[in-house]
Amino acid sequence: EVEPIPVPDPAFDNYGATTQQVYETAQGFLPDVKAA
């Protein structure tokens, strides 16, 4: 059996970051981009 994970019901607040903000953060640390 797999160990159950306590996942509560999701809260639907705004994520807090736009796609552009997420993209700018991701390309600064993701190893895929760094490797390229």
Full PDB file with SEQRES, HELIX, SHEET, SSBOND, CRYST1, ORIGX, SCALE, CONECT and MASTER records, all heavy atoms in Angstrom:
SEQRES   1 A   36  GLU VAL GLU PRO ILE PRO VAL PRO ASP PRO ALA PHE ASP          
SEQRES   2 A   36  ASN TYR GLY ALA THR THR GLN GLN VAL TYR GLU THR ALA          
SEQRES   3 A   36  GLN GLY PHE LEU PRO ASP VAL LYS ALA ALA                      
HELIX    1 AA1 THR A   19  PHE A   29  1                                  11    
HELIX    2 AA2 PRO A   31  ALA A   35  1                                   5    
CRYST1    1.000    1.000    1.000  90.00  90.00  90.00 P 1           1          
ORIGX1      1.000000  0.000000  0.000000        0.00000                         
ORIGX2      0.000000  1.000000  0.000000        0.00000                         
ORIGX3      0.000000  0.000000  1.000000        0.00000                         
SCALE1      1.000000  0.000000  0.000000        0.00000                         
SCALE2      0.000000  1.000000  0.000000        0.00000                         
SCALE3      0.000000  0.000000  1.000000        0.00000                         
ATOM      1  N   GLU A   1       0.845  -1.180   0.000  1.00  0.00           N  
ATOM      2  CA  GLU A   1       0.000   0.000   0.000  1.00  0.00           C  
ATOM      3  C   GLU A   1       0.885   1.236   0.000  1.00  0.00           C  
ATOM      4  O   GLU A   1       2.030   1.200   0.467  1.00  0.00           O  
ATOM      5  CB  GLU A   1      -0.920   0.015   1.227  1.00  0.00           C  
ATOM      6  CG  GLU A   1      -1.853  -1.176   1.327  1.00  0.00           C  
ATOM      7  CD  GLU A   1      -2.896  -1.190   0.226  1.00  0.00           C  
ATOM      8  OE1 GLU A   1      -3.229  -0.108  -0.268  1.00  0.00           O  
ATOM      9  OE2 GLU A   1      -3.385  -2.288  -0.134  1.00  0.00           O  
ATOM     10  N   VAL A   2       0.359   2.306  -0.505  1.00  0.00           N  
ATOM     11  CA  VAL A   2       1.087   3.570  -0.469  1.00  0.00           C  
ATOM     12  C   VAL A   2       0.620   4.371   0.741  1.00  0.00           C  
ATOM     13  O   VAL A   2      -0.532   4.281   1.162  1.00  0.00           O  
ATOM     14  CB  VAL A   2       0.879   4.386  -1.762  1.00  0.00           C  
ATOM     15  CG1 VAL A   2       1.420   3.644  -2.953  1.00  0.00           C  
ATOM     16  CG2 VAL A   2      -0.577   4.738  -1.956  1.00  0.00           C  
ATOM     17  N   GLU A   3       1.546   5.093   1.312  1.00  0.00           N  
ATOM     18  CA  GLU A   3       1.235   5.893   2.489  1.00  0.00           C  
ATOM     19  C   GLU A   3       0.310   7.035   2.102  1.00  0.00           C  
ATOM     20  O   GLU A   3       0.617   7.815   1.202  1.00  0.00           O  
ATOM     21  CB  GLU A   3       2.525   6.454   3.099  1.00  0.00           C  
ATOM     22  CG  GLU A   3       2.335   7.240   4.372  1.00  0.00           C  
ATOM     23  CD  GLU A   3       1.955   6.351   5.537  1.00  0.00           C  
ATOM     24  OE1 GLU A   3       2.122   5.128   5.447  1.00  0.00           O  
ATOM     25  OE2 GLU A   3       1.484   6.906   6.542  1.00  0.00           O  
ATOM     26  N   PRO A   4      -0.836   7.168   2.751  1.00  0.00           N  
ATOM     27  CA  PRO A   4      -1.745   8.261   2.400  1.00  0.00           C  
ATOM     28  C   PRO A   4      -1.150   9.622   2.732  1.00  0.00           C  
ATOM     29  O   PRO A   4      -0.336   9.762   3.648  1.00  0.00           O  
ATOM     30  CB  PRO A   4      -2.987   7.973   3.244  1.00  0.00           C  
ATOM     31  CG  PRO A   4      -2.530   7.089   4.331  1.00  0.00           C  
ATOM     32  CD  PRO A   4      -1.367   6.309   3.811  1.00  0.00           C  
ATOM     33  N   ILE A   5      -1.540  10.617   1.963  1.00  0.00           N  
ATOM     34  CA  ILE A   5      -1.069  11.985   2.139  1.00  0.00           C  
ATOM     35  C   ILE A   5      -2.266  12.846   2.525  1.00  0.00           C  
ATOM     36  O   ILE A   5      -3.281  12.837   1.829  1.00  0.00           O  
ATOM     37  CB  ILE A   5      -0.417  12.524   0.856  1.00  0.00           C  
ATOM     38  CG1 ILE A   5       0.821  11.704   0.503  1.00  0.00           C  
ATOM     39  CG2 ILE A   5      -0.035  13.981   1.006  1.00  0.00           C  
ATOM     40  CD1 ILE A   5       1.442  12.087  -0.800  1.00  0.00           C  
ATOM     41  N   PRO A   6      -2.161  13.579   3.608  1.00  0.00           N  
ATOM     42  CA  PRO A   6      -3.288  14.444   3.994  1.00  0.00           C  
ATOM     43  C   PRO A   6      -3.403  15.634   3.055  1.00  0.00           C  
ATOM     44  O   PRO A   6      -2.727  16.643   3.229  1.00  0.00           O  
ATOM     45  CB  PRO A   6      -2.923  14.875   5.420  1.00  0.00           C  
ATOM     46  CG  PRO A   6      -1.437  14.779   5.482  1.00  0.00           C  
ATOM     47  CD  PRO A   6      -1.045  13.640   4.575  1.00  0.00           C  
ATOM     48  N   VAL A   7      -4.250  15.512   2.061  1.00  0.00           N  
ATOM     49  CA  VAL A   7      -4.454  16.593   1.095  1.00  0.00           C  
ATOM     50  C   VAL A   7      -5.799  17.240   1.404  1.00  0.00           C  
ATOM     51  O   VAL A   7      -6.848  16.643   1.148  1.00  0.00           O  
ATOM     52  CB  VAL A   7      -4.439  16.057  -0.352  1.00  0.00           C  
ATOM     53  CG1 VAL A   7      -4.648  17.195  -1.337  1.00  0.00           C  
ATOM     54  CG2 VAL A   7      -3.119  15.353  -0.625  1.00  0.00           C  
ATOM     55  N   PRO A   8      -5.804  18.432   1.972  1.00  0.00           N  
ATOM     56  CA  PRO A   8      -7.076  19.095   2.260  1.00  0.00           C  
ATOM     57  C   PRO A   8      -7.724  19.594   0.985  1.00  0.00           C  
ATOM     58  O   PRO A   8      -7.115  19.597  -0.093  1.00  0.00           O  
ATOM     59  CB  PRO A   8      -6.663  20.256   3.181  1.00  0.00           C  
ATOM     60  CG  PRO A   8      -5.252  20.559   2.778  1.00  0.00           C  
ATOM     61  CD  PRO A   8      -4.646  19.239   2.374  1.00  0.00           C  
ATOM     62  N   ASP A   9      -8.952  20.014   1.101  1.00  0.00           N  
ATOM     63  CA  ASP A   9      -9.644  20.582  -0.052  1.00  0.00           C  
ATOM     64  C   ASP A   9      -8.919  21.839  -0.495  1.00  0.00           C  
ATOM     65  O   ASP A   9      -8.486  22.653   0.332  1.00  0.00           O  
ATOM     66  CB  ASP A   9     -11.097  20.908   0.306  1.00  0.00           C  
ATOM     67  CG  ASP A   9     -11.909  19.638   0.554  1.00  0.00           C  
ATOM     68  OD1 ASP A   9     -11.459  18.580   0.077  1.00  0.00           O  
ATOM     69  OD2 ASP A   9     -12.945  19.720   1.225  1.00  0.00           O  
ATOM     70  N   PRO A  10      -8.765  22.036  -1.787  1.00  0.00           N  
ATOM     71  CA  PRO A  10      -8.001  23.188  -2.276  1.00  0.00           C  
ATOM     72  C   PRO A  10      -8.652  24.509  -1.911  1.00  0.00           C  
ATOM     73  O   PRO A  10      -9.866  24.629  -1.820  1.00  0.00           O  
ATOM     74  CB  PRO A  10      -7.981  22.976  -3.799  1.00  0.00           C  
ATOM     75  CG  PRO A  10      -8.310  21.539  -3.995  1.00  0.00           C  
ATOM     76  CD  PRO A  10      -9.196  21.153  -2.862  1.00  0.00           C  
ATOM     77  N   ALA A  11      -7.805  25.506  -1.685  1.00  0.00           N  
ATOM     78  CA  ALA A  11      -8.272  26.884  -1.505  1.00  0.00           C  
ATOM     79  C   ALA A  11      -8.037  27.615  -2.811  1.00  0.00           C  
ATOM     80  O   ALA A  11      -6.935  27.552  -3.382  1.00  0.00           O  
ATOM     81  CB  ALA A  11      -7.508  27.561  -0.366  1.00  0.00           C  
ATOM     82  N   PHE A  12      -9.021  28.335  -3.291  1.00  0.00           N  
ATOM     83  CA  PHE A  12      -8.947  28.899  -4.628  1.00  0.00           C  
ATOM     84  C   PHE A  12      -8.612  30.385  -4.592  1.00  0.00           C  
ATOM     85  O   PHE A  12      -9.270  31.216  -5.210  1.00  0.00           O  
ATOM     86  CB  PHE A  12     -10.271  28.677  -5.369  1.00  0.00           C  
ATOM     87  CG  PHE A  12     -10.574  27.224  -5.563  1.00  0.00           C  
ATOM     88  CD1 PHE A  12     -11.505  26.578  -4.784  1.00  0.00           C  
ATOM     89  CD2 PHE A  12      -9.883  26.488  -6.508  1.00  0.00           C  
ATOM     90  CE1 PHE A  12     -11.778  25.241  -4.958  1.00  0.00           C  
ATOM     91  CE2 PHE A  12     -10.141  25.145  -6.681  1.00  0.00           C  
ATOM     92  CZ  PHE A  12     -11.089  24.511  -5.907  1.00  0.00           C  
ATOM     93  N   ASP A  13      -7.591  30.732  -3.834  1.00  0.00           N  
ATOM     94  CA  ASP A  13      -7.099  32.108  -3.890  1.00  0.00           C  
ATOM     95  C   ASP A  13      -6.271  32.273  -5.148  1.00  0.00           C  
ATOM     96  O   ASP A  13      -5.866  31.312  -5.799  1.00  0.00           O  
ATOM     97  CB  ASP A  13      -6.251  32.411  -2.650  1.00  0.00           C  
ATOM     98  CG  ASP A  13      -7.068  32.273  -1.372  1.00  0.00           C  
ATOM     99  OD1 ASP A  13      -8.286  32.514  -1.448  1.00  0.00           O  
ATOM    100  OD2 ASP A  13      -6.483  31.912  -0.330  1.00  0.00           O  
ATOM    101  N   ASN A  14      -5.995  33.518  -5.518  1.00  0.00           N  
ATOM    102  CA  ASN A  14      -5.137  33.768  -6.667  1.00  0.00           C  
ATOM    103  C   ASN A  14      -3.757  33.187  -6.402  1.00  0.00           C  
ATOM    104  O   ASN A  14      -3.247  33.240  -5.267  1.00  0.00           O  
ATOM    105  CB  ASN A  14      -5.045  35.270  -6.946  1.00  0.00           C  
ATOM    106  CG  ASN A  14      -6.357  35.838  -7.459  1.00  0.00           C  
ATOM    107  OD1 ASN A  14      -7.141  35.126  -8.095  1.00  0.00           O  
ATOM    108  ND2 ASN A  14      -6.616  37.104  -7.162  1.00  0.00           N  
ATOM    109  N   TYR A  15      -3.146  32.652  -7.463  1.00  0.00           N  
ATOM    110  CA  TYR A  15      -1.852  31.991  -7.284  1.00  0.00           C  
ATOM    111  C   TYR A  15      -0.790  32.964  -6.798  1.00  0.00           C  
ATOM    112  O   TYR A  15       0.141  32.583  -6.105  1.00  0.00           O  
ATOM    113  CB  TYR A  15      -1.423  31.330  -8.592  1.00  0.00           C  
ATOM    114  CG  TYR A  15      -0.145  30.560  -8.423  1.00  0.00           C  
ATOM    115  CD1 TYR A  15      -0.113  29.380  -7.693  1.00  0.00           C  
ATOM    116  CD2 TYR A  15       1.042  31.035  -8.973  1.00  0.00           C  
ATOM    117  CE1 TYR A  15       1.054  28.675  -7.515  1.00  0.00           C  
ATOM    118  CE2 TYR A  15       2.217  30.330  -8.799  1.00  0.00           C  
ATOM    119  CZ  TYR A  15       2.222  29.153  -8.077  1.00  0.00           C  
ATOM    120  OH  TYR A  15       3.380  28.463  -7.899  1.00  0.00           O  
ATOM    121  N   GLY A  16      -0.896  34.215  -7.164  1.00  0.00           N  
ATOM    122  CA  GLY A  16       0.050  35.208  -6.657  1.00  0.00           C  
ATOM    123  C   GLY A  16       1.167  35.536  -7.619  1.00  0.00           C  
ATOM    124  O   GLY A  16       2.042  36.343  -7.289  1.00  0.00           O  
ATOM    125  N   ALA A  17       1.186  34.946  -8.777  1.00  0.00           N  
ATOM    126  CA  ALA A  17       2.229  35.224  -9.768  1.00  0.00           C  
ATOM    127  C   ALA A  17       1.656  35.002 -11.155  1.00  0.00           C  
ATOM    128  O   ALA A  17       0.885  34.062 -11.372  1.00  0.00           O  
ATOM    129  CB  ALA A  17       3.452  34.342  -9.547  1.00  0.00           C  
ATOM    130  N   THR A  18       2.010  35.874 -12.073  1.00  0.00           N  
ATOM    131  CA  THR A  18       1.569  35.726 -13.451  1.00  0.00           C  
ATOM    132  C   THR A  18       2.460  34.731 -14.165  1.00  0.00           C  
ATOM    133  O   THR A  18       3.508  34.309 -13.653  1.00  0.00           O  
ATOM    134  CB  THR A  18       1.603  37.084 -14.169  1.00  0.00           C  
ATOM    135  OG1 THR A  18       2.973  37.535 -14.228  1.00  0.00           O  
ATOM    136  CG2 THR A  18       0.763  38.119 -13.428  1.00  0.00           C  
ATOM    137  N   THR A  19       2.051  34.350 -15.359  1.00  0.00           N  
ATOM    138  CA  THR A  19       2.871  33.417 -16.138  1.00  0.00           C  
ATOM    139  C   THR A  19       4.236  34.010 -16.449  1.00  0.00           C  
ATOM    140  O   THR A  19       5.246  33.294 -16.451  1.00  0.00           O  
ATOM    141  CB  THR A  19       2.150  33.061 -17.446  1.00  0.00           C  
ATOM    142  OG1 THR A  19       1.826  34.265 -18.152  1.00  0.00           O  
ATOM    143  CG2 THR A  19       0.879  32.281 -17.168  1.00  0.00           C  
ATOM    144  N   GLN A  20       4.293  35.321 -16.701  1.00  0.00           N  
ATOM    145  CA  GLN A  20       5.577  35.962 -16.987  1.00  0.00           C  
ATOM    146  C   GLN A  20       6.473  35.938 -15.766  1.00  0.00           C  
ATOM    147  O   GLN A  20       7.682  35.680 -15.880  1.00  0.00           O  
ATOM    148  CB  GLN A  20       5.351  37.409 -17.456  1.00  0.00           C  
ATOM    149  CG  GLN A  20       6.631  38.157 -17.809  1.00  0.00           C  
ATOM    150  CD  GLN A  20       7.374  37.516 -18.980  1.00  0.00           C  
ATOM    151  OE1 GLN A  20       6.772  36.900 -19.852  1.00  0.00           O  
ATOM    152  NE2 GLN A  20       8.683  37.669 -18.989  1.00  0.00           N  
ATOM    153  N   GLN A  21       5.906  36.192 -14.593  1.00  0.00           N  
ATOM    154  CA  GLN A  21       6.701  36.159 -13.367  1.00  0.00           C  
ATOM    155  C   GLN A  21       7.199  34.743 -13.085  1.00  0.00           C  
ATOM    156  O   GLN A  21       8.359  34.552 -12.687  1.00  0.00           O  
ATOM    157  CB  GLN A  21       5.859  36.678 -12.194  1.00  0.00           C  
ATOM    158  CG  GLN A  21       5.551  38.165 -12.274  1.00  0.00           C  
ATOM    159  CD  GLN A  21       4.566  38.606 -11.206  1.00  0.00           C  
ATOM    160  OE1 GLN A  21       3.768  37.807 -10.703  1.00  0.00           O  
ATOM    161  NE2 GLN A  21       4.602  39.884 -10.849  1.00  0.00           N  
ATOM    162  N   VAL A  22       6.343  33.779 -13.288  1.00  0.00           N  
ATOM    163  CA  VAL A  22       6.762  32.386 -13.090  1.00  0.00           C  
ATOM    164  C   VAL A  22       7.860  32.019 -14.075  1.00  0.00           C  
ATOM    165  O   VAL A  22       8.852  31.357 -13.725  1.00  0.00           O  
ATOM    166  CB  VAL A  22       5.562  31.436 -13.233  1.00  0.00           C  
ATOM    167  CG1 VAL A  22       6.017  29.976 -13.154  1.00  0.00           C  
ATOM    168  CG2 VAL A  22       4.526  31.710 -12.153  1.00  0.00           C  
ATOM    169  N   TYR A  23       7.719  32.465 -15.314  1.00  0.00           N  
ATOM    170  CA  TYR A  23       8.708  32.158 -16.345  1.00  0.00           C  
ATOM    171  C   TYR A  23      10.057  32.787 -16.014  1.00  0.00           C  
ATOM    172  O   TYR A  23      11.105  32.136 -16.144  1.00  0.00           O  
ATOM    173  CB  TYR A  23       8.203  32.661 -17.696  1.00  0.00           C  
ATOM    174  CG  TYR A  23       9.234  32.619 -18.795  1.00  0.00           C  
ATOM    175  CD1 TYR A  23       9.631  31.408 -19.358  1.00  0.00           C  
ATOM    176  CD2 TYR A  23       9.831  33.793 -19.258  1.00  0.00           C  
ATOM    177  CE1 TYR A  23      10.587  31.366 -20.358  1.00  0.00           C  
ATOM    178  CE2 TYR A  23      10.787  33.759 -20.257  1.00  0.00           C  
ATOM    179  CZ  TYR A  23      11.164  32.541 -20.805  1.00  0.00           C  
ATOM    180  OH  TYR A  23      12.115  32.515 -21.789  1.00  0.00           O  
ATOM    181  N   GLU A  24      10.043  34.039 -15.596  1.00  0.00           N  
ATOM    182  CA  GLU A  24      11.303  34.714 -15.269  1.00  0.00           C  
ATOM    183  C   GLU A  24      12.000  34.041 -14.086  1.00  0.00           C  
ATOM    184  O   GLU A  24      13.228  33.948 -14.052  1.00  0.00           O  
ATOM    185  CB  GLU A  24      11.026  36.186 -14.954  1.00  0.00           C  
ATOM    186  CG  GLU A  24      10.604  37.000 -16.189  1.00  0.00           C  
ATOM    187  CD  GLU A  24      10.230  38.424 -15.839  1.00  0.00           C  
ATOM    188  OE1 GLU A  24      10.214  38.753 -14.628  1.00  0.00           O  
ATOM    189  OE2 GLU A  24       9.952  39.219 -16.767  1.00  0.00           O  
ATOM    190  N   THR A  25      11.218  33.584 -13.128  1.00  0.00           N  
ATOM    191  CA  THR A  25      11.820  32.872 -11.998  1.00  0.00           C  
ATOM    192  C   THR A  25      12.367  31.511 -12.425  1.00  0.00           C  
ATOM    193  O   THR A  25      13.474  31.123 -12.048  1.00  0.00           O  
ATOM    194  CB  THR A  25      10.789  32.689 -10.875  1.00  0.00           C  
ATOM    195  OG1 THR A  25      10.306  33.965 -10.461  1.00  0.00           O  
ATOM    196  CG2 THR A  25      11.402  31.970  -9.674  1.00  0.00           C  
ATOM    197  N   ALA A  26      11.598  30.803 -13.231  1.00  0.00           N  
ATOM    198  CA  ALA A  26      11.982  29.449 -13.618  1.00  0.00           C  
ATOM    199  C   ALA A  26      13.247  29.416 -14.454  1.00  0.00           C  
ATOM    200  O   ALA A  26      14.122  28.570 -14.236  1.00  0.00           O  
ATOM    201  CB  ALA A  26      10.837  28.784 -14.373  1.00  0.00           C  
ATOM    202  N   GLN A  27      13.359  30.347 -15.409  1.00  0.00           N  
ATOM    203  CA  GLN A  27      14.535  30.298 -16.286  1.00  0.00           C  
ATOM    204  C   GLN A  27      15.815  30.689 -15.557  1.00  0.00           C  
ATOM    205  O   GLN A  27      16.916  30.476 -16.076  1.00  0.00           O  
ATOM    206  CB  GLN A  27      14.318  31.207 -17.498  1.00  0.00           C  
ATOM    207  CG  GLN A  27      14.348  32.691 -17.201  1.00  0.00           C  
ATOM    208  CD  GLN A  27      14.329  33.536 -18.469  1.00  0.00           C  
ATOM    209  OE1 GLN A  27      14.577  33.022 -19.550  1.00  0.00           O  
ATOM    210  NE2 GLN A  27      14.050  34.816 -18.330  1.00  0.00           N  
ATOM    211  N   GLY A  28      15.667  31.240 -14.359  1.00  0.00           N  
ATOM    212  CA  GLY A  28      16.859  31.595 -13.595  1.00  0.00           C  
ATOM    213  C   GLY A  28      17.444  30.461 -12.788  1.00  0.00           C  
ATOM    214  O   GLY A  28      18.600  30.549 -12.352  1.00  0.00           O  
ATOM    215  N   PHE A  29      16.689  29.376 -12.569  1.00  0.00           N  
ATOM    216  CA  PHE A  29      17.213  28.304 -11.727  1.00  0.00           C  
ATOM    217  C   PHE A  29      17.022  26.916 -12.326  1.00  0.00           C  
ATOM    218  O   PHE A  29      17.694  25.966 -11.902  1.00  0.00           O  
ATOM    219  CB  PHE A  29      16.549  28.340 -10.345  1.00  0.00           C  
ATOM    220  CG  PHE A  29      15.198  27.692 -10.280  1.00  0.00           C  
ATOM    221  CD1 PHE A  29      15.062  26.363  -9.932  1.00  0.00           C  
ATOM    222  CD2 PHE A  29      14.049  28.404 -10.597  1.00  0.00           C  
ATOM    223  CE1 PHE A  29      13.816  25.759  -9.882  1.00  0.00           C  
ATOM    224  CE2 PHE A  29      12.810  27.822 -10.544  1.00  0.00           C  
ATOM    225  CZ  PHE A  29      12.688  26.487 -10.180  1.00  0.00           C  
ATOM    226  N   LEU A  30      16.106  26.751 -13.282  1.00  0.00           N  
ATOM    227  CA  LEU A  30      15.857  25.413 -13.813  1.00  0.00           C  
ATOM    228  C   LEU A  30      17.111  24.857 -14.492  1.00  0.00           C  
ATOM    229  O   LEU A  30      17.715  25.526 -15.321  1.00  0.00           O  
ATOM    230  CB  LEU A  30      14.697  25.435 -14.804  1.00  0.00           C  
ATOM    231  CG  LEU A  30      13.299  25.301 -14.221  1.00  0.00           C  
ATOM    232  CD1 LEU A  30      12.270  25.244 -15.331  1.00  0.00           C  
ATOM    233  CD2 LEU A  30      13.170  24.083 -13.332  1.00  0.00           C  
ATOM    234  N   PRO A  31      17.512  23.632 -14.166  1.00  0.00           N  
ATOM    235  CA  PRO A  31      18.726  23.067 -14.767  1.00  0.00           C  
ATOM    236  C   PRO A  31      18.607  22.852 -16.267  1.00  0.00           C  
ATOM    237  O   PRO A  31      19.626  22.836 -16.954  1.00  0.00           O  
ATOM    238  CB  PRO A  31      18.906  21.742 -14.015  1.00  0.00           C  
ATOM    239  CG  PRO A  31      17.569  21.425 -13.455  1.00  0.00           C  
ATOM    240  CD  PRO A  31      16.910  22.726 -13.165  1.00  0.00           C  
ATOM    241  N   ASP A  32      17.372  22.673 -16.780  1.00  0.00           N  
ATOM    242  CA  ASP A  32      17.220  22.503 -18.225  1.00  0.00           C  
ATOM    243  C   ASP A  32      17.750  23.714 -18.975  1.00  0.00           C  
ATOM    244  O   ASP A  32      18.526  23.585 -19.947  1.00  0.00           O  
ATOM    245  CB  ASP A  32      15.746  22.289 -18.576  1.00  0.00           C  
ATOM    246  CG  ASP A  32      15.075  21.248 -17.709  1.00  0.00           C  
ATOM    247  OD1 ASP A  32      14.940  21.510 -16.489  1.00  0.00           O  
ATOM    248  OD2 ASP A  32      14.676  20.204 -18.227  1.00  0.00           O  
ATOM    249  N   VAL A  33      17.348  24.910 -18.522  1.00  0.00           N  
ATOM    250  CA  VAL A  33      17.774  26.141 -19.185  1.00  0.00           C  
ATOM    251  C   VAL A  33      19.257  26.391 -18.940  1.00  0.00           C  
ATOM    252  O   VAL A  33      20.001  26.789 -19.853  1.00  0.00           O  
ATOM    253  CB  VAL A  33      16.934  27.329 -18.689  1.00  0.00           C  
ATOM    254  CG1 VAL A  33      17.395  28.633 -19.324  1.00  0.00           C  
ATOM    255  CG2 VAL A  33      15.457  27.097 -18.979  1.00  0.00           C  
ATOM    256  N   LYS A  34      19.714  26.169 -17.711  1.00  0.00           N  
ATOM    257  CA  LYS A  34      21.128  26.376 -17.405  1.00  0.00           C  
ATOM    258  C   LYS A  34      22.013  25.462 -18.254  1.00  0.00           C  
ATOM    259  O   LYS A  34      23.070  25.882 -18.739  1.00  0.00           O  
ATOM    260  CB  LYS A  34      21.385  26.123 -15.924  1.00  0.00           C  
ATOM    261  CG  LYS A  34      20.922  27.252 -15.021  1.00  0.00           C  
ATOM    262  CD  LYS A  34      21.398  27.021 -13.598  1.00  0.00           C  
ATOM    263  CE  LYS A  34      21.084  28.205 -12.713  1.00  0.00           C  
ATOM    264  NZ  LYS A  34      21.588  28.026 -11.338  1.00  0.00           N  
ATOM    265  N   ALA A  35      21.591  24.204 -18.405  1.00  0.00           N  
ATOM    266  CA  ALA A  35      22.376  23.265 -19.212  1.00  0.00           C  
ATOM    267  C   ALA A  35      22.477  23.743 -20.653  1.00  0.00           C  
ATOM    268  O   ALA A  35      23.550  23.663 -21.275  1.00  0.00           O  
ATOM    269  CB  ALA A  35      21.748  21.871 -19.161  1.00  0.00           C  
ATOM    270  N   ALA A  36      21.373  24.260 -21.209  1.00  0.00           N  
ATOM    271  CA  ALA A  36      21.390  24.751 -22.590  1.00  0.00           C  
ATOM    272  C   ALA A  36      22.290  25.978 -22.721  1.00  0.00           C  
ATOM    273  O   ALA A  36      23.050  26.102 -23.690  1.00  0.00           O  
ATOM    274  CB  ALA A  36      19.968  25.079 -23.037  1.00  0.00           C  
TER     275      ALA A  36                                                      
MASTER        0    0    0    2    0    0    0    6  274    1    0    3          
END                                                                             
